[in-house]
Protein backbone atom coordinates (compact mmCIF):
# COMPACT_ATOMS: atom_id res chain seq x y z
CA MET A 1 109.85 107.29 88.54
CA MET A 2 106.92 104.92 88.22
CA ILE A 3 105.34 103.13 91.16
CA ILE A 4 103.09 100.06 91.01
CA LEU A 5 101.19 99.10 94.14
CA GLU A 6 99.17 95.94 94.60
CA SER A 7 96.20 97.56 96.37
CA LEU A 8 94.55 100.78 97.42
CA ASP A 9 95.32 99.83 101.03
CA GLN A 10 99.03 99.77 100.20
CA PHE A 11 98.69 103.17 98.52
CA LYS A 12 96.93 104.59 101.59
CA LEU A 13 99.56 103.14 103.91
CA LEU A 14 102.43 104.68 101.96
CA TYR A 15 100.90 108.06 101.09
CA CYS A 16 98.34 108.87 103.81
CA ASN A 17 100.58 111.53 105.37
CA GLU A 18 101.60 113.27 102.13
CA HIS A 19 99.65 116.47 101.62
CA LYS A 20 99.58 116.26 97.82
CA TRP A 21 97.75 112.91 97.98
CA ASP A 22 95.14 113.87 100.60
CA ARG A 23 92.64 114.98 97.96
CA SER A 24 93.09 111.74 96.01
CA PHE A 25 91.59 109.81 98.91
CA GLU A 26 88.63 112.20 98.85
CA ALA A 27 88.22 111.60 95.11
CA ILE A 28 88.27 107.81 95.53
CA GLU A 29 85.72 108.01 98.36
CA ASN A 30 83.47 109.98 95.99
CA LEU A 31 83.45 107.31 93.24
CA LYS A 32 79.83 106.26 93.64
CA HIS A 33 78.73 109.83 92.85
CA LEU A 34 80.79 110.27 89.68
CA LYS A 35 79.52 110.15 86.14
CA THR A 36 81.75 108.01 83.95
CA ASN A 37 84.29 109.67 81.65
CA ILE A 38 83.77 113.19 83.06
CA MET A 39 86.69 115.04 84.64
CA TYR A 40 86.18 116.59 88.08
CA CYS A 41 88.40 119.07 89.93
CA ILE A 42 89.11 119.82 93.59
CA ASP A 43 90.66 123.23 94.39
CA ASN A 44 92.73 123.30 91.18
CA SER A 45 95.14 120.88 92.83
CA ILE A 46 93.65 117.60 91.66
CA MET A 47 91.62 116.40 88.68
CA TYR A 48 89.96 113.01 88.60
CA MET A 49 87.54 110.85 86.67
CA SER A 50 86.02 107.40 86.56
CA GLN A 51 86.73 105.72 83.23
CA SER A 52 84.99 102.63 81.90
CA GLY A 53 85.48 100.87 78.57
CA ILE A 54 88.36 99.99 76.32
CA THR A 55 91.02 102.68 76.57
CA LYS A 56 91.80 104.05 73.13
CA LYS A 57 94.95 102.47 71.67
CA THR A 58 97.62 105.13 71.32
CA LYS A 59 100.47 105.16 68.82
CA ASN A 60 102.58 107.66 70.72
CA PHE A 61 103.63 107.85 74.35
CA GLU A 62 102.02 110.59 76.44
CA GLY A 63 103.84 112.50 79.15
CA HIS A 64 103.08 115.33 81.57
CA ARG A 65 105.07 118.08 83.27
CA HIS A 66 102.69 119.64 85.80
CA TYR A 67 100.69 116.63 86.95
CA ILE A 68 101.60 113.28 88.48
CA GLU A 69 99.08 110.77 87.18
CA MET A 70 97.67 107.84 89.13
CA HIS A 71 95.44 105.03 87.79
CA TYR A 72 93.52 102.86 90.25
CA TYR A 73 92.03 99.75 88.60
CA LEU A 74 88.52 98.89 89.77
CA ASP A 75 87.85 96.08 87.28
CA GLY A 76 89.49 94.36 84.31
CA GLN A 77 93.07 94.48 83.14
CA GLU A 78 95.04 96.74 80.84
CA LYS A 79 98.33 96.58 78.94
CA ILE A 80 100.44 99.69 78.72
CA ASP A 81 103.93 100.58 77.57
CA VAL A 82 105.99 102.81 79.86
CA ALA A 83 109.32 104.51 79.17
CA ASP A 84 111.62 107.23 80.45
CA LYS A 85 110.89 110.37 78.45
CA SER A 86 114.64 110.90 78.11
CA LYS A 87 114.89 107.65 76.10
CA LEU A 88 112.09 108.58 73.67
CA GLN A 89 111.94 110.95 70.70
CA ALA A 90 109.62 113.99 70.96
CA SER A 91 106.89 113.74 68.31
CA THR A 92 104.64 116.65 69.38
CA PRO A 93 105.77 119.71 71.34
CA TYR A 94 104.65 120.19 74.93
CA SER A 95 101.36 122.07 75.41
CA ASP A 96 101.05 124.04 78.63
CA LYS A 97 97.28 124.27 78.02
CA THR A 98 96.77 120.48 78.14
CA ASP A 99 99.93 119.54 80.07
CA LYS A 100 100.66 116.89 77.46
CA GLU A 101 103.62 116.03 75.30
CA TYR A 102 103.94 113.08 72.92
CA PHE A 103 106.85 110.81 72.10
CA SER A 104 107.74 107.92 69.81
CA GLY A 105 109.94 104.98 70.66
CA THR A 106 109.72 101.77 72.64
CA GLY A 107 109.16 100.97 76.28
CA GLN A 108 108.48 98.26 78.81
CA THR A 109 105.09 96.52 78.52
CA LEU A 110 103.14 96.16 81.75
CA GLU A 111 99.81 94.49 82.46
CA LEU A 112 97.79 96.05 85.25
CA TYR A 113 94.93 94.31 87.04
CA LYS A 114 91.93 94.99 89.26
CA GLY A 115 93.01 96.44 92.60
CA GLN A 116 96.40 97.74 91.46
CA VAL A 117 97.54 101.36 91.52
CA ILE A 118 100.13 102.82 89.16
CA ILE A 119 101.68 106.26 89.60
CA PHE A 120 103.46 107.98 86.69
CA CYS A 121 105.85 110.74 87.71
CA ASN A 122 106.86 113.46 85.27
CA ASP A 123 109.93 111.66 83.95
CA LYS A 124 107.81 108.83 82.48
CA ALA A 125 105.53 108.55 79.45
CA TYR A 126 102.99 105.84 78.66
CA ARG A 127 100.79 104.49 75.87
CA PHE A 128 97.85 102.12 75.95
CA HIS A 129 97.43 98.90 73.98
CA GLY A 130 93.64 99.31 74.00
CA ASP A 131 92.91 95.60 74.09
CA ASN A 132 90.67 95.02 77.13
CA HIS A 133 87.67 96.49 78.91
CA VAL A 134 88.72 98.24 82.08
CA LYS A 135 87.16 100.33 84.81
CA LYS A 136 89.53 102.65 86.63
CA VAL A 137 89.92 105.97 88.37
CA ILE A 138 92.40 108.42 86.91
CA ILE A 139 93.74 111.04 89.30
CA LYS A 140 96.04 113.91 88.30
CA VAL A 141 97.81 115.71 91.15
CA THR A 142 99.72 118.96 90.61
CA THR A 143 103.43 118.83 91.30
């Protein structure tokens, strides 16, 4: 499953009572204190970082098994390809250490903008086009 929301307010409205997302609100509130491109952790249940720049273009799709990943766009726009992992071909075996697995294939191209939130569940994989400057918060929540 993949969810695209038009605003942080919509995200808060839908997920404010879900325990696994409580810490994500704390992470977003802490944005002004974050150094860019450094990963932070809260109680081993959530990792988050502020990212600014052009996201590196990726050839392969990236997927996760233990984390649900959320991107909240603070500025700019970004193109990504998204696909069901079941419809892709594994190109690199899963690593439990990094919680990453890589795939080849094709997917649906999406363009995400300032204010939007996208949530990638474990059945999806994504890759970045790397064509625009973007500022966003990346939050990884354990499943």
